[in-house]
């Protein structure tokens, strides 16, 4: 996409100050999770997509938490369309949304649970939802395993023959993308 000159020096200055990581919404959620005893990785690379990052990653649980800005990711409640350079911005924002969908698909194909939230959502609610999902994953990992019911049968993902069905994948999206 060709570069378009900014509509004004003020707009250029404002946009150059936009952060792509450690936003206030991310920090608020991380602070609550950390205070609750949860440990996680920040800005963890998406497997197979090294230039894309997971905002908050629970690697053992394979839980990816992404907190999206309303403007940049097309929130249905708060997204706005700039009037200056409108065509360029529409293409840019549409590409962001498409990239979000690609990232979700990649994470799911790698066995991750994807949770996306909007920046305007309450950090307490987001942290509670994430904590519940982490606890569910932990319980599923520590649950006693059943033995195969007959010789030659395998549990999914444990010694199953090549081409056997993969474990079921869950996707949880709090936002409507």
Protein backbone atom coordinates (compact mmCIF):
# COMPACT_ATOMS: atom_id res chain seq x y z
CA UNK A 1 0.00 0.00 0.00
CA UNK A 2 1.59 3.30 -1.04
CA UNK A 3 2.39 5.88 1.60
CA UNK A 4 -0.08 8.73 1.80
CA UNK A 5 0.98 12.07 3.20
CA UNK A 6 -0.62 12.92 6.56
CA UNK A 7 -3.54 15.30 6.43
CA UNK A 8 -1.80 17.67 8.86
CA UNK A 9 1.33 17.86 11.05
CA UNK A 10 -0.88 17.47 14.13
CA UNK A 11 -2.33 14.20 12.83
CA UNK A 12 1.15 12.96 11.98
CA UNK A 13 2.40 13.75 15.50
CA UNK A 14 -0.62 12.10 17.13
CA UNK A 15 -0.35 8.92 15.07
CA UNK A 16 3.40 8.62 15.70
CA UNK A 17 2.67 8.43 19.45
CA UNK A 18 0.31 5.45 19.09
CA UNK A 19 1.67 2.39 20.91
CA UNK A 20 1.32 -1.10 19.52
CA UNK A 21 2.18 -2.85 22.79
CA UNK A 22 1.77 -2.31 26.50
CA UNK A 23 -1.42 -0.31 26.03
CA UNK A 24 -3.33 0.90 29.08
CA UNK A 25 -5.97 -1.80 28.54
CA UNK A 26 -3.33 -4.57 28.35
CA UNK A 27 -1.51 -3.28 31.41
CA UNK A 28 -4.71 -3.09 33.45
CA UNK A 29 -5.62 -6.70 32.66
CA UNK A 30 -2.05 -7.92 33.25
CA UNK A 31 -1.91 -6.14 36.61
CA UNK A 32 -5.10 -7.87 37.80
CA UNK A 33 -3.96 -11.29 36.55
CA UNK A 34 -0.53 -10.95 38.12
CA UNK A 35 -1.99 -9.79 41.45
CA UNK A 36 -4.23 -12.87 41.35
CA UNK A 37 -1.18 -15.13 41.06
CA UNK A 38 -1.27 -15.88 37.34
CA UNK A 39 1.97 -15.92 35.38
CA UNK A 40 2.10 -15.42 31.65
CA UNK A 41 4.28 -14.26 28.79
CA UNK A 42 3.77 -10.91 27.10
CA UNK A 43 4.23 -10.20 23.40
CA UNK A 44 4.77 -13.90 22.73
CA UNK A 45 5.31 -14.73 19.03
CA UNK A 46 2.41 -16.42 17.26
CA UNK A 47 3.67 -19.90 16.26
CA UNK A 48 4.42 -19.87 12.54
CA UNK A 49 3.93 -16.08 12.29
CA UNK A 50 7.01 -14.55 13.90
CA UNK A 51 6.06 -10.92 13.22
CA UNK A 52 2.73 -11.26 15.02
CA UNK A 53 2.50 -11.29 18.79
CA UNK A 54 0.09 -12.52 21.44
CA UNK A 55 -0.58 -9.77 24.00
CA UNK A 56 -0.86 -12.17 26.95
CA UNK A 57 0.11 -15.82 26.45
CA UNK A 58 -0.43 -18.67 28.87
CA UNK A 59 1.94 -21.06 27.12
CA UNK A 60 1.28 -24.20 29.16
CA UNK A 61 -2.49 -23.78 28.76
CA UNK A 62 -2.03 -22.69 25.12
CA UNK A 63 -4.30 -19.73 25.79
CA UNK A 64 -3.82 -16.57 23.71
CA UNK A 65 -5.32 -13.32 24.99
CA UNK A 66 -5.47 -10.41 22.56
CA UNK A 67 -6.80 -7.00 23.54
CA UNK A 68 -7.75 -5.03 20.46
CA UNK A 69 -8.06 -1.29 20.11
CA UNK A 70 -11.48 -0.13 18.97
CA UNK A 71 -10.20 2.12 16.18
CA UNK A 72 -7.48 -0.18 14.82
CA UNK A 73 -9.50 -3.40 14.84
CA UNK A 74 -12.98 -2.21 13.88
CA UNK A 75 -15.04 -2.34 17.08
CA UNK A 76 -18.72 -2.39 16.08
CA UNK A 77 -19.54 0.01 18.95
CA UNK A 78 -16.70 2.52 18.77
CA UNK A 79 -14.89 2.30 15.44
CA UNK A 80 -14.73 5.52 13.45
CA UNK A 81 -13.80 6.19 9.84
CA UNK A 82 -11.35 9.02 9.26
CA UNK A 83 -12.52 11.55 6.70
CA UNK A 84 -9.04 12.59 5.53
CA UNK A 85 -7.43 9.92 3.31
CA UNK A 86 -10.60 7.86 3.76
CA UNK A 87 -9.82 5.24 1.09
CA UNK A 88 -6.33 4.61 2.46
CA UNK A 89 -7.67 4.26 6.02
CA UNK A 90 -10.49 1.93 4.97
CA UNK A 91 -7.97 -0.39 3.27
CA UNK A 92 -5.63 -0.19 6.25
CA UNK A 93 -8.32 -1.00 8.82
CA UNK A 94 -9.79 -3.78 6.64
CA UNK A 95 -6.31 -5.35 6.43
CA UNK A 96 -6.03 -5.19 10.22
CA UNK A 97 -9.30 -7.08 10.62
CA UNK A 98 -8.25 -9.67 8.01
CA UNK A 99 -4.91 -10.07 9.83
CA UNK A 100 -6.79 -10.71 13.09
CA UNK A 101 -8.74 -13.52 11.42
CA UNK A 102 -5.55 -15.03 9.97
CA UNK A 103 -3.89 -14.89 13.38
CA UNK A 104 -6.90 -16.60 14.99
CA UNK A 105 -6.83 -19.36 12.36
CA UNK A 106 -3.09 -19.92 12.83
CA UNK A 107 -3.36 -20.11 16.60
CA UNK A 108 -6.30 -22.50 16.42
CA UNK A 109 -4.44 -24.72 13.94
CA UNK A 110 -1.54 -24.85 16.44
CA UNK A 111 -3.92 -25.97 19.22
CA UNK A 112 -4.33 -22.66 21.05
CA UNK A 113 -7.50 -21.25 22.54
CA UNK A 114 -7.98 -17.67 21.32
CA UNK A 115 -9.63 -15.02 23.46
CA UNK A 116 -10.09 -11.54 21.98
CA UNK A 117 -11.38 -8.55 23.90
CA UNK A 118 -11.99 -4.91 23.04
CA UNK A 119 -10.02 -2.20 24.82
CA UNK A 120 -13.26 -0.70 26.17
CA UNK A 121 -14.20 -3.86 28.10
CA UNK A 122 -13.77 -3.79 31.86
CA UNK A 123 -10.30 -5.05 32.86
CA UNK A 124 -11.87 -6.84 35.85
CA UNK A 125 -14.32 -8.70 33.58
CA UNK A 126 -11.60 -9.56 31.07
CA UNK A 127 -9.25 -10.80 33.81
CA UNK A 128 -12.02 -12.89 35.38
CA UNK A 129 -12.90 -14.48 32.03
CA UNK A 130 -9.24 -15.22 31.31
CA UNK A 131 -8.65 -16.65 34.80
CA UNK A 132 -11.64 -18.95 34.40
CA UNK A 133 -10.31 -20.21 31.06
CA UNK A 134 -6.83 -20.80 32.52
CA UNK A 135 -8.33 -22.76 35.42
CA UNK A 136 -10.45 -24.84 33.00
CA UNK A 137 -7.35 -25.66 30.95
CA UNK A 138 -5.42 -26.55 34.10
CA UNK A 139 -8.23 -28.82 35.30
CA UNK A 140 -8.38 -30.54 31.91
CA UNK A 141 -4.60 -31.16 32.02
CA UNK A 142 -4.63 -32.58 35.54
CA UNK A 143 -7.81 -34.68 35.22
CA UNK A 144 -7.23 -38.43 35.53
CA UNK A 145 -6.91 -40.05 32.12
CA UNK A 146 -8.98 -43.02 31.07
CA UNK A 147 -7.21 -46.05 29.70
CA UNK A 148 -8.09 -47.22 26.18
CA UNK A 149 -11.13 -49.47 26.32
CA UNK A 150 -9.68 -52.21 24.09
CA UNK A 151 -6.25 -53.24 22.83
CA UNK A 152 -5.18 -51.26 19.78
CA UNK A 153 -7.37 -48.27 20.61
CA UNK A 154 -5.60 -45.03 21.33
CA UNK A 155 -6.61 -41.84 22.98
CA UNK A 156 -6.42 -38.88 20.65
CA UNK A 157 -2.98 -37.36 20.53
CA UNK A 158 -1.34 -40.20 22.50
CA UNK A 159 0.27 -42.71 20.22
CA UNK A 160 -2.60 -42.56 17.77
CA UNK A 161 -1.71 -43.70 14.26
CA UNK A 162 -0.69 -41.06 11.74
CA UNK A 163 -3.74 -39.30 10.36
CA UNK A 164 -5.89 -39.99 13.44
CA UNK A 165 -8.18 -37.21 14.56
CA UNK A 166 -6.52 -34.38 16.43
CA UNK A 167 -7.79 -33.20 19.80
CA UNK A 168 -10.82 -30.96 19.63
CA UNK A 169 -10.02 -27.26 19.56
CA UNK A 170 -11.92 -24.61 21.44
CA UNK A 171 -12.08 -21.02 20.40
CA UNK A 172 -13.49 -18.40 22.67
CA UNK A 173 -13.95 -14.91 21.32
CA UNK A 174 -15.41 -12.25 23.51
CA UNK A 175 -15.65 -9.79 20.66
CA UNK A 176 -17.79 -10.18 17.58
CA UNK A 177 -15.15 -10.82 14.88
